[in-house]
Protein backbone atom coordinates (compact mmCIF):
# COMPACT_ATOMS: atom_id res chain seq x y z
CA MET A 1 -20.67 8.62 86.27
CA ARG A 2 -22.44 10.14 83.31
CA LYS A 3 -19.20 11.77 82.07
CA LEU A 4 -17.36 8.46 82.29
CA VAL A 5 -20.00 6.66 80.23
CA ALA A 6 -19.94 9.47 77.66
CA PHE A 7 -16.15 9.31 77.49
CA VAL A 8 -16.07 5.52 77.05
CA ALA A 9 -18.78 5.70 74.37
CA GLY A 10 -16.85 8.42 72.55
CA ALA A 11 -13.60 6.46 72.77
CA MET A 12 -15.28 3.35 71.36
CA CYS A 13 -16.87 5.31 68.51
CA GLY A 14 -13.52 6.94 67.76
CA GLY A 15 -11.81 3.57 67.73
CA ILE A 16 -14.36 2.13 65.34
CA VAL A 17 -14.14 5.14 63.01
CA GLY A 18 -10.32 4.95 63.10
CA ALA A 19 -10.30 1.24 62.30
CA VAL A 20 -12.68 1.70 59.37
CA ALA A 21 -10.64 4.62 58.04
CA ALA A 22 -7.42 2.57 58.32
CA LEU A 23 -8.98 -0.29 56.38
CA LEU A 24 -10.32 1.99 53.66
CA LEU A 25 -7.18 4.08 53.28
CA ALA A 26 -4.55 1.31 53.49
CA PRO A 27 -2.20 1.47 50.49
CA ALA A 28 -2.39 -2.29 49.87
CA PRO A 29 -4.20 -5.40 51.08
CA GLY A 30 -3.09 -6.71 54.47
CA SER A 31 -1.00 -9.60 53.18
CA GLU A 32 0.85 -7.38 50.70
CA LEU A 33 1.40 -4.72 53.35
CA ARG A 34 2.81 -7.27 55.82
CA THR A 35 5.09 -8.74 53.14
CA SER A 36 6.33 -5.31 52.14
CA ALA A 37 6.97 -4.32 55.74
CA ARG A 38 8.84 -7.59 56.40
CA VAL A 39 11.04 -7.13 53.32
CA ARG A 40 11.80 -3.55 54.31
CA PHE A 41 12.61 -4.60 57.88
CA ASP A 42 14.86 -7.46 56.74
CA THR A 43 16.69 -5.12 54.36
CA MET A 44 17.27 -2.56 57.10
CA VAL A 45 18.55 -5.23 59.50
CA ALA A 46 20.93 -6.60 56.85
CA GLU A 47 22.24 -3.11 56.08
CA GLY A 48 22.73 -2.42 59.78
CA ARG A 49 24.65 -5.66 60.25
CA GLN A 50 26.83 -4.91 57.24
CA ALA A 51 27.56 -1.40 58.51
CA ALA A 52 28.46 -2.81 61.93
CA ALA A 53 30.78 -5.40 60.38
CA ASP A 54 32.47 -2.74 58.24
CA ARG A 55 32.95 -0.45 61.23
CA ARG A 56 34.28 -3.33 63.34
CA ALA A 57 36.85 -4.20 60.67
CA GLU A 58 37.89 -0.56 60.47
CA LEU A 59 38.30 -0.28 64.25
CA GLU A 60 40.23 -3.56 64.42
CA ALA A 61 42.62 -2.27 61.75
CA GLN A 62 43.13 0.94 63.72
CA LEU A 63 43.74 -1.03 66.92
CA ALA A 64 46.28 -3.24 65.16
CA ALA A 65 48.07 -0.12 63.86
CA LEU A 66 48.20 1.32 67.37
CA LYS A 67 49.62 -1.91 68.82
CA ARG A 68 52.53 -1.96 66.37
CA PRO A 69 55.73 -0.59 67.89
CA ALA A 70 56.51 2.94 66.88
CA THR A 71 59.52 3.42 64.62
CA THR A 72 62.09 5.96 65.70
CA LEU A 73 63.43 8.56 63.35
């Protein structure tokens, strides 16, 4: 029982120290950090969608080429 209490106390102290360190070492205020993260996320999603659309168009063109009847020589 004593080890469990010591472990829980240590975990709580570690959590508090980690939270304080995160607040002190954050590169920007919370609102700026959230805005920056949202912009970055939205940009990555848009790029991913564009890449998927480009690849889809490329594959559809290849499929259309394969469906065309072959010409004989």
